[in-house]
Amino acid sequence: MRAIAKKGNWKELLDLNADILCLQETKVHTDELDDAIKNPDGYHGYFSHSVAKKGYSGVAIYSKKKPDVVKYGMGIPEFDQEGRMIEVHFGDLVLLNVYFPNGGGGPIRLAYKLDFYDEFLAYVLKLRKQGKSVIFCGDINTAHEEIDLARPKENEENTGFLPEERAWLDEVVNVGFIDSFRHFYPNKKDMYTFWDMKSRARDRNVGWRLDYFFVSSDLLPKLKSASMLSDMLGSDHCPIAIELK
């Protein structure tokens, strides 16, 4: 977030005039942010940061409307200590902004990622059983189908496209959550949200679709649009957006 502010991309984000803005991998404690970023005009800001490692992970939500309820984490210390989730309630609508773990770094972190996946899905299914309409968004750190990355064959054995990671996204869909982008563009190719910066992959559009908005099926009649803001710079990811009626 500090880098975005220094480079001027912060204003570009605010100029989107989104009702709710969700950020992942903020890598910052709120004490390190200027007040103009913590409390931008017209928004209520909510932040979660890693207590396990400084300058790591973290998420933020900015909302024009003050939520009825704000929660941090899933109530599981092993996962909550990395500051990966903020949950806000507006009546019966629940929005969860999540920075899902990356499975790189060996089998321990891959297992951590898969365990996080399972606990998170159980968590949102409990919300559904309570009668809540659910939206969850963020960097899921997995490309779902071959269409969702530029080089699927070369990455079949790499984290981010492993069968066990992709199977979890199958499960998400099977239990009634809608991948908002694929709902509108089921067969659209070359649409990515992440590009490796070291290899200048964005210039060649050699990317991955790692960022998603999933909505519970009851919200489908209200889902008006889904888009990728692929021209916006400032990160190795681009913003994505949905609009509800």
C-alpha atoms as a PDB file:
ATOM      1  CA  MET A   1       0.000   0.000   0.000  1.00  0.00           C
ATOM      2  CA  ARG A   2       2.863   2.366   0.758  1.00  0.00           C
ATOM      3  CA  ALA A   3       4.365   1.749  -2.678  1.00  0.00           C
ATOM      4  CA  ILE A   4       1.012   2.378  -4.380  1.00  0.00           C
ATOM      5  CA  ALA A   5       0.673   5.671  -2.516  1.00  0.00           C
ATOM      6  CA  LYS A   6       4.170   6.785  -3.495  1.00  0.00           C
ATOM      7  CA  LYS A   7       3.645   5.930  -7.156  1.00  0.00           C
ATOM      8  CA  GLY A   8       0.336   7.754  -7.371  1.00  0.00           C
ATOM      9  CA  ASN A   9      -1.744   4.659  -8.118  1.00  0.00           C
ATOM     10  CA  TRP A  10      -3.748   5.212  -4.943  1.00  0.00           C
ATOM     11  CA  LYS A  11      -5.587   8.177  -6.477  1.00  0.00           C
ATOM     12  CA  GLU A  12      -6.367   6.084  -9.541  1.00  0.00           C
ATOM     13  CA  LEU A  13      -7.999   3.459  -7.326  1.00  0.00           C
ATOM     14  CA  LEU A  14     -10.068   6.051  -5.493  1.00  0.00           C
ATOM     15  CA  ASP A  15     -11.098   7.611  -8.796  1.00  0.00           C
ATOM     16  CA  LEU A  16     -12.905   4.366  -9.621  1.00  0.00           C
ATOM     17  CA  ASN A  17     -15.505   5.633  -7.149  1.00  0.00           C
ATOM     18  CA  ALA A  18     -16.280   2.081  -6.022  1.00  0.00           C
ATOM     19  CA  ASP A  19     -18.849   1.647  -3.271  1.00  0.00           C
ATOM     20  CA  ILE A  20     -16.515  -0.939  -1.723  1.00  0.00           C
ATOM     21  CA  LEU A  21     -12.814  -1.377  -2.421  1.00  0.00           C
ATOM     22  CA  CYS A  22     -10.992  -4.544  -1.303  1.00  0.00           C
ATOM     23  CA  LEU A  23      -7.202  -4.843  -1.233  1.00  0.00           C
ATOM     24  CA  GLN A  24      -5.020  -7.875  -0.604  1.00  0.00           C
ATOM     25  CA  GLU A  25      -1.344  -8.323   0.275  1.00  0.00           C
ATOM     26  CA  THR A  26      -1.148  -4.837   1.737  1.00  0.00           C
ATOM     27  CA  LYS A  27       2.066  -5.727   3.632  1.00  0.00           C
ATOM     28  CA  VAL A  28       1.575  -2.946   6.154  1.00  0.00           C
ATOM     29  CA  HIS A  29       0.466  -2.165   9.698  1.00  0.00           C
ATOM     30  CA  THR A  30      -2.021   0.707   9.904  1.00  0.00           C
ATOM     31  CA  ASP A  31       0.431   2.635  12.109  1.00  0.00           C
ATOM     32  CA  GLU A  32       2.659   2.942   9.027  1.00  0.00           C
ATOM     33  CA  LEU A  33      -0.019   4.565   6.859  1.00  0.00           C
ATOM     34  CA  ASP A  34      -0.692   8.245   6.386  1.00  0.00           C
ATOM     35  CA  ASP A  35      -4.097   9.394   7.552  1.00  0.00           C
ATOM     36  CA  ALA A  36      -5.107  10.181   3.962  1.00  0.00           C
ATOM     37  CA  ILE A  37      -4.778   6.474   3.144  1.00  0.00           C
ATOM     38  CA  LYS A  38      -6.243   5.183   6.393  1.00  0.00           C
ATOM     39  CA  ASN A  39      -9.235   7.508   6.164  1.00  0.00           C
ATOM     40  CA  PRO A  40      -9.825   8.660   2.573  1.00  0.00           C
ATOM     41  CA  ASP A  41     -12.707  11.080   2.083  1.00  0.00           C
ATOM     42  CA  GLY A  42     -16.023   9.320   1.811  1.00  0.00           C
ATOM     43  CA  TYR A  43     -14.828   5.904   3.013  1.00  0.00           C
ATOM     44  CA  HIS A  44     -14.718   3.859   6.190  1.00  0.00           C
ATOM     45  CA  GLY A  45     -11.437   1.892   6.330  1.00  0.00           C
ATOM     46  CA  TYR A  46     -10.842  -1.529   7.916  1.00  0.00           C
ATOM     47  CA  PHE A  47      -7.479  -3.286   8.061  1.00  0.00           C
ATOM     48  CA  SER A  48      -5.960  -6.588   9.078  1.00  0.00           C
ATOM     49  CA  HIS A  49      -2.219  -7.260   9.185  1.00  0.00           C
ATOM     50  CA  SER A  50       0.019 -10.228   9.908  1.00  0.00           C
ATOM     51  CA  VAL A  51       1.150 -10.611  13.498  1.00  0.00           C
ATOM     52  CA  ALA A  52       3.334 -13.573  12.523  1.00  0.00           C
ATOM     53  CA  LYS A  53       5.691 -11.640  10.239  1.00  0.00           C
ATOM     54  CA  LYS A  54       6.156  -7.921   9.627  1.00  0.00           C
ATOM     55  CA  GLY A  55       5.588  -6.564   6.109  1.00  0.00           C
ATOM     56  CA  TYR A  56       3.716  -9.689   5.047  1.00  0.00           C
ATOM     57  CA  SER A  57       0.206 -10.518   3.839  1.00  0.00           C
ATOM     58  CA  GLY A  58      -2.588  -8.217   5.089  1.00  0.00           C
ATOM     59  CA  VAL A  59      -5.940  -7.060   3.700  1.00  0.00           C
ATOM     60  CA  ALA A  60      -8.044  -3.895   3.732  1.00  0.00           C
ATOM     61  CA  ILE A  61     -11.619  -2.889   2.977  1.00  0.00           C
ATOM     62  CA  TYR A  62     -12.835   0.630   2.211  1.00  0.00           C
ATOM     63  CA  SER A  63     -16.597   1.104   2.189  1.00  0.00           C
ATOM     64  CA  LYS A  64     -18.717   4.182   1.537  1.00  0.00           C
ATOM     65  CA  LYS A  65     -21.463   2.703   3.689  1.00  0.00           C
ATOM     66  CA  LYS A  66     -20.546   1.760   7.234  1.00  0.00           C
ATOM     67  CA  PRO A  67     -21.018  -2.009   7.717  1.00  0.00           C
ATOM     68  CA  ASP A  68     -23.365  -3.329  10.378  1.00  0.00           C
ATOM     69  CA  VAL A  69     -20.715  -5.839  11.467  1.00  0.00           C
ATOM     70  CA  VAL A  70     -16.953  -6.145  10.881  1.00  0.00           C
ATOM     71  CA  LYS A  71     -15.039  -9.341  11.675  1.00  0.00           C
ATOM     72  CA  TYR A  72     -11.405 -10.322  11.284  1.00  0.00           C
ATOM     73  CA  GLY A  73     -10.371 -13.893  10.477  1.00  0.00           C
ATOM     74  CA  MET A  74     -12.159 -17.214  10.876  1.00  0.00           C
ATOM     75  CA  GLY A  75     -11.565 -17.680  14.590  1.00  0.00           C
ATOM     76  CA  ILE A  76      -8.704 -20.121  13.917  1.00  0.00           C
ATOM     77  CA  PRO A  77      -5.412 -18.700  15.291  1.00  0.00           C
ATOM     78  CA  GLU A  78      -3.247 -20.717  12.894  1.00  0.00           C
ATOM     79  CA  PHE A  79      -4.827 -18.921   9.940  1.00  0.00           C
ATOM     80  CA  ASP A  80      -5.858 -15.623  11.513  1.00  0.00           C
ATOM     81  CA  GLN A  81      -2.314 -14.682  12.587  1.00  0.00           C
ATOM     82  CA  GLU A  82      -1.371 -13.888   8.985  1.00  0.00           C
ATOM     83  CA  GLY A  83      -4.078 -11.224   8.593  1.00  0.00           C
ATOM     84  CA  ARG A  84      -5.736 -12.740   5.544  1.00  0.00           C
ATOM     85  CA  MET A  85      -9.447 -12.012   5.939  1.00  0.00           C
ATOM     86  CA  ILE A  86     -11.907  -9.237   6.716  1.00  0.00           C
ATOM     87  CA  GLU A  87     -15.666  -9.875   6.765  1.00  0.00           C
ATOM     88  CA  VAL A  88     -18.281  -7.122   6.602  1.00  0.00           C
ATOM     89  CA  HIS A  89     -22.051  -7.410   6.943  1.00  0.00           C
ATOM     90  CA  PHE A  90     -24.713  -5.182   5.394  1.00  0.00           C
ATOM     91  CA  GLY A  91     -27.958  -6.659   6.646  1.00  0.00           C
ATOM     92  CA  ASP A  92     -28.097 -10.208   5.277  1.00  0.00           C
ATOM     93  CA  LEU A  93     -25.340  -9.534   2.720  1.00  0.00           C
ATOM     94  CA  VAL A  94     -21.860 -10.657   3.780  1.00  0.00           C
ATOM     95  CA  LEU A  95     -18.682  -9.701   1.911  1.00  0.00           C
ATOM     96  CA  LEU A  96     -15.416 -11.473   2.674  1.00  0.00           C
ATOM     97  CA  ASN A  97     -12.148 -10.022   1.388  1.00  0.00           C
ATOM     98  CA  VAL A  98      -9.485 -12.725   1.469  1.00  0.00           C
ATOM     99  CA  TYR A  99      -5.822 -13.080   0.588  1.00  0.00           C
ATOM    100  CA  PHE A 100      -5.540 -16.851   0.240  1.00  0.00           C
ATOM    101  CA  PRO A 101      -2.150 -18.445   0.967  1.00  0.00           C
ATOM    102  CA  ASN A 102       0.366 -19.166  -1.763  1.00  0.00           C
ATOM    103  CA  GLY A 103       1.331 -22.847  -1.956  1.00  0.00           C
ATOM    104  CA  GLY A 104       4.962 -22.153  -2.863  1.00  0.00           C
ATOM    105  CA  GLY A 105       7.874 -22.836  -0.558  1.00  0.00           C
ATOM    106  CA  GLY A 106       7.464 -26.576  -0.153  1.00  0.00           C
ATOM    107  CA  PRO A 107       4.951 -29.160   1.063  1.00  0.00           C
ATOM    108  CA  ILE A 108       4.325 -27.488   4.439  1.00  0.00           C
ATOM    109  CA  ARG A 109       2.991 -24.299   2.872  1.00  0.00           C
ATOM    110  CA  LEU A 110       1.009 -26.228   0.266  1.00  0.00           C
ATOM    111  CA  ALA A 111      -0.652 -28.172   3.075  1.00  0.00           C
ATOM    112  CA  TYR A 112      -1.309 -24.880   4.889  1.00  0.00           C
ATOM    113  CA  LYS A 113      -2.961 -23.473   1.769  1.00  0.00           C
ATOM    114  CA  LEU A 114      -5.179 -26.518   1.287  1.00  0.00           C
ATOM    115  CA  ASP A 115      -6.174 -26.549   4.969  1.00  0.00           C
ATOM    116  CA  PHE A 116      -7.014 -22.832   4.743  1.00  0.00           C
ATOM    117  CA  TYR A 117      -9.152 -23.570   1.678  1.00  0.00           C
ATOM    118  CA  ASP A 118     -11.112 -26.279   3.507  1.00  0.00           C
ATOM    119  CA  GLU A 119     -11.676 -24.212   6.650  1.00  0.00           C
ATOM    120  CA  PHE A 120     -12.744 -21.200   4.613  1.00  0.00           C
ATOM    121  CA  LEU A 121     -15.293 -23.137   2.575  1.00  0.00           C
ATOM    122  CA  ALA A 122     -16.759 -24.597   5.762  1.00  0.00           C
ATOM    123  CA  TYR A 123     -16.916 -21.075   7.181  1.00  0.00           C
ATOM    124  CA  VAL A 124     -18.836 -19.560   4.254  1.00  0.00           C
ATOM    125  CA  LEU A 125     -21.191 -22.538   4.107  1.00  0.00           C
ATOM    126  CA  LYS A 126     -22.098 -21.827   7.740  1.00  0.00           C
ATOM    127  CA  LEU A 127     -22.937 -18.271   6.716  1.00  0.00           C
ATOM    128  CA  ARG A 128     -25.194 -19.617   3.978  1.00  0.00           C
ATOM    129  CA  LYS A 129     -26.956 -21.905   6.463  1.00  0.00           C
ATOM    130  CA  GLN A 130     -27.615 -18.815   8.583  1.00  0.00           C
ATOM    131  CA  GLY A 131     -29.508 -17.348   5.634  1.00  0.00           C
ATOM    132  CA  LYS A 132     -26.787 -14.937   4.552  1.00  0.00           C
ATOM    133  CA  SER A 133     -26.109 -13.920   0.959  1.00  0.00           C
ATOM    134  CA  VAL A 134     -22.357 -14.263   0.489  1.00  0.00           C
ATOM    135  CA  ILE A 135     -19.753 -12.632  -1.737  1.00  0.00           C
ATOM    136  CA  PHE A 136     -16.107 -13.524  -1.350  1.00  0.00           C
ATOM    137  CA  CYS A 137     -13.314 -11.986  -3.314  1.00  0.00           C
ATOM    138  CA  GLY A 138      -9.551 -11.789  -3.468  1.00  0.00           C
ATOM    139  CA  ASP A 139      -6.362 -13.401  -4.632  1.00  0.00           C
ATOM    140  CA  ILE A 140      -7.186 -17.107  -4.495  1.00  0.00           C
ATOM    141  CA  ASN A 141      -3.706 -17.991  -5.768  1.00  0.00           C
ATOM    142  CA  THR A 142      -5.018 -20.742  -8.071  1.00  0.00           C
ATOM    143  CA  ALA A 143      -6.036 -20.711 -11.726  1.00  0.00           C
ATOM    144  CA  HIS A 144      -9.169 -22.828 -12.030  1.00  0.00           C
ATOM    145  CA  GLU A 145      -9.199 -24.134 -15.599  1.00  0.00           C
ATOM    146  CA  GLU A 146      -6.737 -24.318 -18.493  1.00  0.00           C
ATOM    147  CA  ILE A 147      -8.371 -21.219 -19.978  1.00  0.00           C
ATOM    148  CA  ASP A 148      -7.318 -19.310 -16.849  1.00  0.00           C
ATOM    149  CA  LEU A 149      -3.587 -19.269 -17.537  1.00  0.00           C
ATOM    150  CA  ALA A 150      -1.448 -18.750 -20.605  1.00  0.00           C
ATOM    151  CA  ARG A 151       0.678 -21.909 -20.279  1.00  0.00           C
ATOM    152  CA  PRO A 152      -1.348 -24.664 -18.612  1.00  0.00           C
ATOM    153  CA  LYS A 153       0.731 -27.627 -19.788  1.00  0.00           C
ATOM    154  CA  GLU A 154       3.974 -26.150 -18.492  1.00  0.00           C
ATOM    155  CA  ASN A 155       2.412 -25.498 -15.075  1.00  0.00           C
ATOM    156  CA  GLU A 156       0.598 -28.770 -14.369  1.00  0.00           C
ATOM    157  CA  GLU A 157       3.080 -29.621 -11.602  1.00  0.00           C
ATOM    158  CA  ASN A 158       3.440 -26.103 -10.209  1.00  0.00           C
ATOM    159  CA  THR A 159       1.540 -24.646  -7.295  1.00  0.00           C
ATOM    160  CA  GLY A 160      -1.257 -22.425  -8.468  1.00  0.00           C
ATOM    161  CA  PHE A 161      -2.386 -25.051 -10.977  1.00  0.00           C
ATOM    162  CA  LEU A 162      -2.045 -28.337  -9.105  1.00  0.00           C
ATOM    163  CA  PRO A 163      -4.970 -30.775  -9.389  1.00  0.00           C
ATOM    164  CA  GLU A 164      -5.656 -30.625  -5.645  1.00  0.00           C
ATOM    165  CA  GLU A 165      -5.768 -26.817  -5.706  1.00  0.00           C
ATOM    166  CA  ARG A 166      -8.070 -26.735  -8.725  1.00  0.00           C
ATOM    167  CA  ALA A 167     -10.299 -29.416  -7.185  1.00  0.00           C
ATOM    168  CA  TRP A 168     -11.121 -27.034  -4.347  1.00  0.00           C
ATOM    169  CA  LEU A 169     -12.418 -24.473  -6.844  1.00  0.00           C
ATOM    170  CA  ASP A 170     -14.516 -27.236  -8.391  1.00  0.00           C
ATOM    171  CA  GLU A 171     -15.984 -27.820  -4.936  1.00  0.00           C
ATOM    172  CA  VAL A 172     -16.711 -24.105  -4.471  1.00  0.00           C
ATOM    173  CA  VAL A 173     -18.744 -24.134  -7.680  1.00  0.00           C
ATOM    174  CA  ASN A 174     -20.426 -27.439  -6.865  1.00  0.00           C
ATOM    175  CA  VAL A 175     -21.781 -26.136  -3.540  1.00  0.00           C
ATOM    176  CA  GLY A 176     -23.460 -23.178  -5.239  1.00  0.00           C
ATOM    177  CA  PHE A 177     -21.015 -20.299  -5.604  1.00  0.00           C
ATOM    178  CA  ILE A 178     -20.824 -18.522  -8.957  1.00  0.00           C
ATOM    179  CA  ASP A 179     -17.537 -17.437 -10.532  1.00  0.00           C
ATOM    180  CA  SER A 180     -18.799 -14.000 -11.563  1.00  0.00           C
ATOM    181  CA  PHE A 181     -16.383 -13.430 -14.431  1.00  0.00           C
ATOM    182  CA  ARG A 182     -16.973 -16.834 -16.023  1.00  0.00           C
ATOM    183  CA  HIS A 183     -20.723 -16.384 -15.595  1.00  0.00           C
ATOM    184  CA  PHE A 184     -20.573 -13.547 -18.118  1.00  0.00           C
ATOM    185  CA  TYR A 185     -17.578 -14.755 -20.164  1.00  0.00           C
ATOM    186  CA  PRO A 186     -17.492 -18.563 -20.020  1.00  0.00           C
ATOM    187  CA  ASN A 187     -15.183 -19.028 -23.005  1.00  0.00           C
ATOM    188  CA  LYS A 188     -13.232 -15.778 -23.160  1.00  0.00           C
ATOM    189  CA  LYS A 189      -9.508 -16.470 -23.511  1.00  0.00           C
ATOM    190  CA  ASP A 190      -6.378 -14.487 -22.660  1.00  0.00           C
ATOM    191  CA  MET A 191      -8.034 -12.843 -19.650  1.00  0.00           C
ATOM    192  CA  TYR A 192      -5.645 -12.743 -16.699  1.00  0.00           C
ATOM    193  CA  THR A 193      -5.220 -10.854 -13.431  1.00  0.00           C
ATOM    194  CA  PHE A 194      -1.582 -11.650 -12.575  1.00  0.00           C
ATOM    195  CA  TRP A 195       1.663 -11.421 -14.539  1.00  0.00           C
ATOM    196  CA  ASP A 196       5.227 -12.131 -13.417  1.00  0.00           C
ATOM    197  CA  MET A 197       7.049  -8.801 -13.243  1.00  0.00           C
ATOM    198  CA  LYS A 198      10.598 -10.176 -13.495  1.00  0.00           C
ATOM    199  CA  SER A 199       9.992 -11.617 -16.957  1.00  0.00           C
ATOM    200  CA  ARG A 200       7.890  -8.643 -18.122  1.00  0.00           C
ATOM    201  CA  ALA A 201       5.080 -11.128 -18.720  1.00  0.00           C
ATOM    202  CA  ARG A 202       2.436  -8.406 -18.735  1.00  0.00           C
ATOM    203  CA  ASP A 203       3.861  -6.936 -21.930  1.00  0.00           C
ATOM    204  CA  ARG A 204       3.257 -10.309 -23.605  1.00  0.00           C
ATOM    205  CA  ASN A 205       0.072 -11.127 -21.663  1.00  0.00           C
ATOM    206  CA  VAL A 206       1.557 -14.364 -20.331  1.00  0.00           C
ATOM    207  CA  GLY A 207      -0.566 -14.425 -17.211  1.00  0.00           C
ATOM    208  CA  TRP A 208      -2.792 -16.220 -14.739  1.00  0.00           C
ATOM    209  CA  ARG A 209      -6.352 -15.553 -13.573  1.00  0.00           C
ATOM    210  CA  LEU A 210      -5.827 -15.785  -9.817  1.00  0.00           C
ATOM    211  CA  ASP A 211      -8.326 -13.177  -8.581  1.00  0.00           C
ATOM    212  CA  TYR A 212     -12.037 -13.867  -8.305  1.00  0.00           C
ATOM    213  CA  PHE A 213     -15.414 -12.651  -7.120  1.00  0.00           C
ATOM    214  CA  PHE A 214     -17.597 -15.589  -6.088  1.00  0.00           C
ATOM    215  CA  VAL A 215     -21.252 -14.921  -5.249  1.00  0.00           C
ATOM    216  CA  SER A 216     -23.765 -17.268  -3.674  1.00  0.00           C
ATOM    217  CA  SER A 217     -26.386 -18.473  -6.140  1.00  0.00           C
ATOM    218  CA  ASP A 218     -29.183 -16.419  -4.559  1.00  0.00           C
ATOM    219  CA  LEU A 219     -27.351 -13.263  -5.655  1.00  0.00           C
ATOM    220  CA  LEU A 220     -27.219 -14.265  -9.311  1.00  0.00           C
ATOM    221  CA  PRO A 221     -30.329 -12.247 -10.283  1.00  0.00           C
ATOM    222  CA  LYS A 222     -28.623  -9.154  -8.844  1.00  0.00           C
ATOM    223  CA  LEU A 223     -25.272  -9.699 -10.565  1.00  0.00           C
ATOM    224  CA  LYS A 224     -25.150  -7.014 -13.240  1.00  0.00           C
ATOM    225  CA  SER A 225     -21.560  -7.197 -14.524  1.00  0.00           C
ATOM    226  CA  ALA A 226     -18.045  -8.491 -13.919  1.00  0.00           C
ATOM    227  CA  SER A 227     -14.890  -6.985 -15.346  1.00  0.00           C
ATOM    228  CA  MET A 228     -11.103  -6.864 -15.269  1.00  0.00           C
ATOM    229  CA  LEU A 229      -9.356  -3.501 -15.142  1.00  0.00           C
ATOM    230  CA  SER A 230      -6.313  -4.806 -16.939  1.00  0.00           C
ATOM    231  CA  ASP A 231      -5.003  -1.373 -17.939  1.00  0.00           C
ATOM    232  CA  MET A 232      -4.539  -0.263 -14.326  1.00  0.00           C
ATOM    233  CA  LEU A 233      -0.942  -0.506 -13.148  1.00  0.00           C
ATOM    234  CA  GLY A 234       0.785  -0.384  -9.766  1.00  0.00           C
ATOM    235  CA  SER A 235       0.914  -4.095  -8.969  1.00  0.00           C
ATOM    236  CA  ASP A 236       1.688  -7.472 -10.516  1.00  0.00           C
ATOM    237  CA  HIS A 237      -2.095  -8.009 -10.301  1.00  0.00           C
ATOM    238  CA  CYS A 238      -4.808  -5.898 -11.899  1.00  0.00           C
ATOM    239  CA  PRO A 239      -8.070  -4.938 -10.164  1.00  0.00           C
ATOM    240  CA  ILE A 240     -11.255  -6.847 -10.883  1.00  0.00           C
ATOM    241  CA  ALA A 241     -14.803  -5.595 -10.305  1.00  0.00           C
ATOM    242  CA  ILE A 242     -18.418  -6.644 -10.059  1.00  0.00           C
ATOM    243  CA  GLU A 243     -21.596  -4.586 -10.049  1.00  0.00           C
ATOM    244  CA  LEU A 244     -24.803  -5.597  -8.293  1.00  0.00           C
ATOM    245  CA  LYS A 245     -28.258  -4.238  -9.099  1.00  0.00           C
END
